C-alpha cells in the first residue's frame, strides 16, 4: 500500500465536498431571480392595464362640483315653475300635456326629475301640464229603447244609470235624460235615463149582471174603452143588463184597451 496514493484521494474528496454546497447555492439564486422577474413583469402588466383602462377606455367622470336640489313645481302654472327653477339654478325644459279629469287646464301635474333630487347647474326639468277634463255633449236618446240608448251613451264615454216610471210610451222607451240632451259636461260623468215600464195595467172588472149604464161608468173610470155593445134577446131579468163581456174578468189590460159587451133586451127592443 502506497502512502502517497491515499493522501491524494483524501485531497480530492475534500475538494469535491467543498465544491458541492457552492453549486447548490448558485442554483437556488438563479431560481429566485427568475421568480422575482416573473412577479415584477406581472405587476407591471397589471398596473399598465389598469392605467390604460381607467385613462383611455373607461375614464373617470370629472368632479361634479355644485349640485342643486329640484324644487316641487307641481300644482302651479308655467310662469311660476320657470321662476322657481331659475331661482334654484335650473332650467324649465320640455313641456308635455295630457287630459286630466280633475286638474284644471294649464296646471302642472307632473315633473321629471322628481322633487328632492339633485342636478348640476342649468340642468333641465321636464313638466307635464293638464289640458283639463275632456268635454262631451250628452247625446239625444229620447224615444230610443233602453238597450240602444245605453250603447249610445256608453260609447260616448258616459256612465249610465237608470230609473223607471209608468208612462203611455211602450215598455223600455227612454222618457227623459239627466243632464238633458246637448248639455256639455266633463268626462267621466254619469247620465240618468228615465225608462218607461209601459202604461199602467188594470184588471178587467166583472160587469156581468150590471145595468148597462153602470157598466159603462165603471169601465170608463178604469180607463177602458167600450168599443162595441151588442144587444141580444133575453127573457126576464137579463133585459137591460150585461150578459157577456170580452175580455173576461181579472185579465190585466193597458189603459185605453177596448172592451166589448153584450146587453140583454126583449125581442121588441133589439136593433134591426
Protein backbone atom coordinates (compact mmCIF):
# COMPACT_ATOMS: atom_id res chain seq x y z
CA UNK A 1 0.00 0.00 0.00
CA UNK A 2 1.34 3.34 -1.08
CA UNK A 3 1.09 6.24 1.33
CA UNK A 4 1.14 8.86 -1.41
CA UNK A 5 -1.95 7.46 -3.20
CA UNK A 6 -4.06 7.55 -0.02
CA UNK A 7 -3.22 11.17 0.61
CA UNK A 8 -4.12 12.12 -2.96
CA UNK A 9 -7.54 10.53 -2.65
CA UNK A 10 -8.25 12.39 0.59
CA UNK A 11 -7.34 15.69 -1.00
CA UNK A 12 -9.70 15.09 -3.96
CA UNK A 13 -12.51 14.11 -1.59
CA UNK A 14 -12.12 17.33 0.37
CA UNK A 15 -12.14 19.40 -2.86
CA UNK A 16 -15.35 17.68 -4.04
CA UNK A 17 -17.08 18.35 -0.73
CA UNK A 18 -16.05 21.99 -0.77
CA UNK A 19 -17.42 22.44 -4.35
CA UNK A 20 -20.89 20.78 -3.75
CA UNK A 21 -22.61 23.36 -1.48
CA UNK A 22 -21.37 26.25 -3.61
CA UNK A 23 -23.03 24.88 -6.80
CA UNK A 24 -26.31 24.27 -4.92
CA UNK A 25 -26.38 27.87 -3.65
CA UNK A 26 -25.74 29.17 -7.14
CA UNK A 27 -28.72 27.11 -8.47
CA UNK A 28 -31.05 28.47 -5.79
CA UNK A 29 -30.02 32.01 -6.63
CA UNK A 30 -30.85 31.60 -10.32
CA UNK A 31 -34.39 30.29 -9.48
CA UNK A 32 -35.02 33.18 -7.06
CA UNK A 33 -34.04 35.75 -9.65
CA UNK A 34 -36.32 34.06 -12.22
CA UNK A 35 -39.40 34.15 -9.93
CA UNK A 36 -38.69 37.73 -8.98
CA UNK A 37 -38.54 38.70 -12.67
CA UNK A 38 -41.87 36.95 -13.37
CA UNK A 39 -43.52 38.69 -10.39
CA UNK A 40 -42.26 42.10 -11.48
CA UNK A 41 -43.48 41.55 -15.04
CA UNK A 42 -46.94 40.54 -13.72
CA UNK A 43 -47.12 43.65 -11.51
CA UNK A 44 -46.05 45.89 -14.36
CA UNK A 45 -48.65 44.29 -16.68
CA UNK A 46 -51.46 44.72 -14.12
CA UNK A 47 -50.52 48.32 -13.41
CA UNK A 48 -50.25 49.14 -17.12
CA UNK A 49 -53.62 47.54 -17.86
CA UNK A 50 -55.21 49.49 -15.01
CA UNK A 51 -53.82 52.77 -16.34
CA UNK A 52 -55.00 52.06 -19.90
CA UNK A 53 -58.47 51.04 -18.72
CA UNK A 54 -59.06 53.96 -16.38
CA UNK A 55 -57.45 56.66 -18.52
CA UNK A 56 -58.48 55.70 -22.04
CA UNK A 57 -61.19 53.01 -22.16
CA UNK A 58 -63.33 53.92 -19.10
CA UNK A 59 -62.10 57.28 -17.88
CA UNK A 60 -63.39 58.53 -14.55
CA UNK A 61 -66.05 61.28 -14.76
CA UNK A 62 -64.97 64.80 -13.90
CA UNK A 63 -65.77 66.04 -10.43
CA UNK A 64 -69.42 67.07 -10.06
CA UNK A 65 -68.94 70.45 -8.50
CA UNK A 66 -72.04 72.26 -7.15
CA UNK A 67 -75.40 70.42 -7.17
CA UNK A 68 -78.88 72.00 -6.85
CA UNK A 69 -81.98 70.38 -5.36
CA UNK A 70 -85.03 70.13 -7.65
CA UNK A 71 -87.99 72.08 -6.19
CA UNK A 72 -91.60 70.83 -6.24
CA UNK A 73 -93.34 72.78 -9.03
CA UNK A 74 -96.46 70.61 -9.34
CA UNK A 75 -99.85 72.27 -8.97
CA UNK A 76 -98.73 75.65 -10.30
CA UNK A 77 -98.56 77.32 -13.69
CA UNK A 78 -95.64 77.51 -16.13
CA UNK A 79 -94.67 81.06 -15.19
CA UNK A 80 -94.37 80.16 -11.51
CA UNK A 81 -92.45 76.98 -12.35
CA UNK A 82 -89.97 78.85 -14.55
CA UNK A 83 -89.37 81.42 -11.81
CA UNK A 84 -88.80 78.80 -9.11
CA UNK A 85 -86.45 76.74 -11.29
CA UNK A 86 -84.42 79.80 -12.21
CA UNK A 87 -84.06 80.64 -8.53
CA UNK A 88 -82.82 77.10 -7.90
CA UNK A 89 -80.21 77.35 -10.68
CA UNK A 90 -82.15 75.08 -13.04
CA UNK A 91 -83.98 75.50 -16.38
CA UNK A 92 -87.55 74.69 -17.46
CA UNK A 93 -87.21 72.01 -20.13
CA UNK A 94 -89.62 70.09 -22.38
CA UNK A 95 -93.34 70.72 -21.78
CA UNK A 96 -95.82 67.89 -22.36
CA UNK A 97 -99.60 67.91 -21.87
CA UNK A 98 -102.49 65.49 -21.34
CA UNK A 99 -106.19 65.43 -20.44
CA UNK A 100 -106.95 65.13 -16.74
CA UNK A 101 -110.44 64.58 -15.25
CA UNK A 102 -109.92 66.68 -12.11
CA UNK A 103 -106.94 69.06 -12.55
CA UNK A 104 -107.84 72.39 -14.21
CA UNK A 105 -106.26 73.37 -17.50
CA UNK A 106 -102.70 74.84 -17.56
CA UNK A 107 -101.65 73.47 -14.15
CA UNK A 108 -98.57 71.24 -13.85
CA UNK A 109 -99.44 67.66 -12.89
CA UNK A 110 -96.01 66.02 -13.21
CA UNK A 111 -92.28 66.75 -13.38
CA UNK A 112 -89.04 64.91 -14.10
CA UNK A 113 -86.75 64.68 -12.17
CA UNK A 114 -88.96 64.45 -9.08
CA UNK A 115 -88.69 66.95 -6.21
CA UNK A 116 -85.74 66.42 -3.85
CA UNK A 117 -83.34 65.05 -6.45
CA UNK A 118 -80.11 66.95 -7.20
CA UNK A 119 -78.88 68.21 -10.58
CA UNK A 120 -75.97 70.14 -11.98
CA UNK A 121 -76.45 73.85 -12.56
CA UNK A 122 -78.53 74.79 -15.63
CA UNK A 123 -79.96 71.25 -15.92
CA UNK A 124 -83.43 70.97 -17.45
CA UNK A 125 -86.60 69.86 -15.62
CA UNK A 126 -89.37 68.43 -17.84
CA UNK A 127 -93.01 69.07 -16.91
CA UNK A 128 -96.46 67.76 -17.87
CA UNK A 129 -99.33 70.26 -18.00
CA UNK A 130 -103.04 69.42 -17.64
CA UNK A 131 -105.38 70.11 -20.55
CA UNK A 132 -108.31 69.84 -18.15
CA UNK A 133 -111.13 67.28 -18.41
CA UNK A 134 -112.47 66.10 -21.75
CA UNK A 135 -115.79 67.79 -22.58
CA UNK A 136 -118.61 65.89 -24.30
CA UNK A 137 -122.19 66.71 -25.32
CA UNK A 138 -124.94 64.42 -23.99
CA UNK A 139 -126.48 62.54 -26.98
CA UNK A 140 -130.22 62.78 -27.63
CA UNK A 141 -131.53 59.28 -26.92
CA UNK A 142 -135.15 60.20 -26.09
CA UNK A 143 -137.60 57.72 -27.58
CA UNK A 144 -134.95 55.04 -28.15
CA UNK A 145 -135.22 51.68 -26.50
CA UNK A 146 -133.32 51.19 -23.25
CA UNK A 147 -130.59 48.94 -24.69
CA UNK A 148 -129.89 51.13 -27.74
CA UNK A 149 -129.78 54.31 -25.64
CA UNK A 150 -127.34 52.70 -23.20
CA UNK A 151 -125.00 51.69 -26.05
CA UNK A 152 -125.03 55.25 -27.47
CA UNK A 153 -124.31 56.86 -24.09
CA UNK A 154 -121.58 54.44 -23.01
CA UNK A 155 -119.82 54.63 -26.38
CA UNK A 156 -119.72 58.42 -25.87
CA UNK A 157 -117.86 57.94 -22.59
CA UNK A 158 -120.72 58.38 -20.11
CA UNK A 159 -121.61 56.19 -17.12
CA UNK A 160 -125.27 55.18 -17.39
CA UNK A 161 -127.72 54.74 -14.53
CA UNK A 162 -131.44 54.07 -14.93
CA UNK A 163 -134.80 54.60 -13.24
CA UNK A 164 -138.27 53.50 -14.36
CA UNK A 165 -141.70 55.06 -14.33
CA UNK A 166 -145.13 54.20 -15.69
CA UNK A 167 -145.91 56.05 -18.93
CA UNK A 168 -148.00 55.81 -22.07
CA UNK A 169 -144.95 55.06 -24.21
CA UNK A 170 -144.14 51.39 -24.82
CA UNK A 171 -142.22 49.48 -22.19
CA UNK A 172 -138.44 50.13 -22.39
CA UNK A 173 -138.70 53.51 -24.13
CA UNK A 174 -136.46 56.33 -22.83
CA UNK A 175 -138.63 59.18 -21.49
CA UNK A 176 -136.04 61.60 -20.06
CA UNK A 177 -132.29 62.02 -19.67
CA UNK A 178 -130.43 63.96 -16.95
CA UNK A 179 -128.44 66.08 -17.78
CA UNK A 180 -130.68 66.93 -20.77
CA UNK A 181 -129.54 66.17 -24.33
CA UNK A 182 -126.91 68.53 -25.85
CA UNK A 183 -125.61 69.55 -22.40
CA UNK A 184 -121.79 69.79 -22.49
CA UNK A 185 -120.22 68.19 -19.41
CA UNK A 186 -116.71 66.93 -18.49
CA UNK A 187 -115.90 63.24 -18.66
CA UNK A 188 -116.19 60.94 -16.82
CA UNK A 189 -119.81 61.79 -15.95
CA UNK A 190 -122.98 59.92 -15.05
CA UNK A 191 -126.16 60.18 -17.12
CA UNK A 192 -129.53 59.14 -15.67
CA UNK A 193 -132.09 57.60 -18.02
CA UNK A 194 -135.80 57.51 -17.13
CA UNK A 195 -137.31 54.46 -18.84
CA UNK A 196 -140.99 53.65 -19.33
CA UNK A 197 -142.43 50.50 -17.82
CA UNK A 198 -145.41 50.94 -20.18
CA UNK A 199 -148.95 52.07 -19.38
CA UNK A 200 -150.41 51.08 -16.03
CA UNK A 201 -152.29 47.79 -16.16
CA UNK A 202 -155.79 47.40 -14.78
CA UNK A 203 -157.73 44.24 -14.10
CA UNK A 204 -160.84 43.79 -16.22
CA UNK A 205 -163.75 44.07 -13.78
CA UNK A 206 -166.68 41.70 -13.67
CA UNK A 207 -169.58 43.63 -15.20
CA UNK A 208 -171.91 40.70 -15.82
CA UNK A 209 -175.31 41.40 -14.27
CA UNK A 210 -174.69 45.16 -14.05
CA UNK A 211 -177.03 47.61 -15.65
CA UNK A 212 -175.74 48.85 -18.99
CA UNK A 213 -175.10 52.40 -17.75
CA UNK A 214 -173.43 51.22 -14.54
CA UNK A 215 -171.07 49.02 -16.56
CA UNK A 216 -170.15 51.91 -18.88
CA UNK A 217 -169.40 54.23 -15.94
CA UNK A 218 -167.21 51.61 -14.21
CA UNK A 219 -165.20 50.77 -17.32
CA UNK A 220 -164.67 54.45 -18.12
CA UNK A 221 -163.34 55.13 -14.60
CA UNK A 222 -160.67 52.46 -15.16
CA UNK A 223 -159.58 53.97 -18.45
CA UNK A 224 -161.05 51.19 -20.58
CA UNK A 225 -162.93 51.96 -23.79
CA UNK A 226 -166.21 50.20 -24.69
CA UNK A 227 -165.80 49.74 -28.43
CA UNK A 228 -168.91 47.67 -29.09
CA UNK A 229 -172.24 46.96 -27.35
CA UNK A 230 -174.29 44.15 -28.88
CA UNK A 231 -177.93 43.68 -27.90
CA UNK A 232 -179.07 40.07 -27.59
CA UNK A 233 -182.52 38.64 -26.93
CA UNK A 234 -183.14 37.67 -23.30
CA UNK A 235 -186.18 36.86 -21.20
CA UNK A 236 -187.00 38.20 -17.77
CA UNK A 237 -184.29 39.68 -15.52
CA UNK A 238 -181.49 39.76 -18.14
CA UNK A 239 -183.12 42.58 -20.06
CA UNK A 240 -181.06 45.81 -19.89
CA UNK A 241 -178.06 44.25 -18.12
CA UNK A 242 -174.71 42.96 -19.32
CA UNK A 243 -174.92 39.27 -20.16
CA UNK A 244 -171.50 38.80 -21.80
CA UNK A 245 -168.13 40.63 -21.68
CA UNK A 246 -164.85 40.42 -23.54
CA UNK A 247 -162.18 40.18 -22.17
CA UNK A 248 -163.13 38.09 -19.19
CA UNK A 249 -162.77 39.46 -15.67
CA UNK A 250 -159.36 39.64 -13.91
CA UNK A 251 -157.43 39.84 -17.18
CA UNK A 252 -154.88 42.70 -16.97
CA UNK A 253 -155.25 45.38 -19.64
CA UNK A 254 -153.47 48.60 -20.51
CA UNK A 255 -155.43 51.79 -20.05
CA UNK A 256 -157.23 52.57 -23.30
CA UNK A 257 -157.77 48.92 -24.15
CA UNK A 258 -161.02 48.09 -25.93
CA UNK A 259 -163.88 46.15 -24.29
CA UNK A 260 -166.92 44.54 -25.96
CA UNK A 261 -170.20 43.95 -24.18
CA UNK A 262 -173.46 42.15 -24.84
CA UNK A 263 -176.63 43.50 -23.23
CA UNK A 264 -179.93 41.60 -22.95
CA UNK A 265 -183.10 43.12 -24.42
CA UNK A 266 -186.62 41.94 -25.14
CA UNK A 267 -187.47 40.90 -28.65
CA UNK A 268 -189.14 44.22 -29.47
CA UNK A 269 -186.16 46.27 -28.29
CA UNK A 270 -183.50 44.58 -30.45
CA UNK A 271 -181.94 46.63 -33.17
CA UNK A 272 -182.91 45.54 -36.61
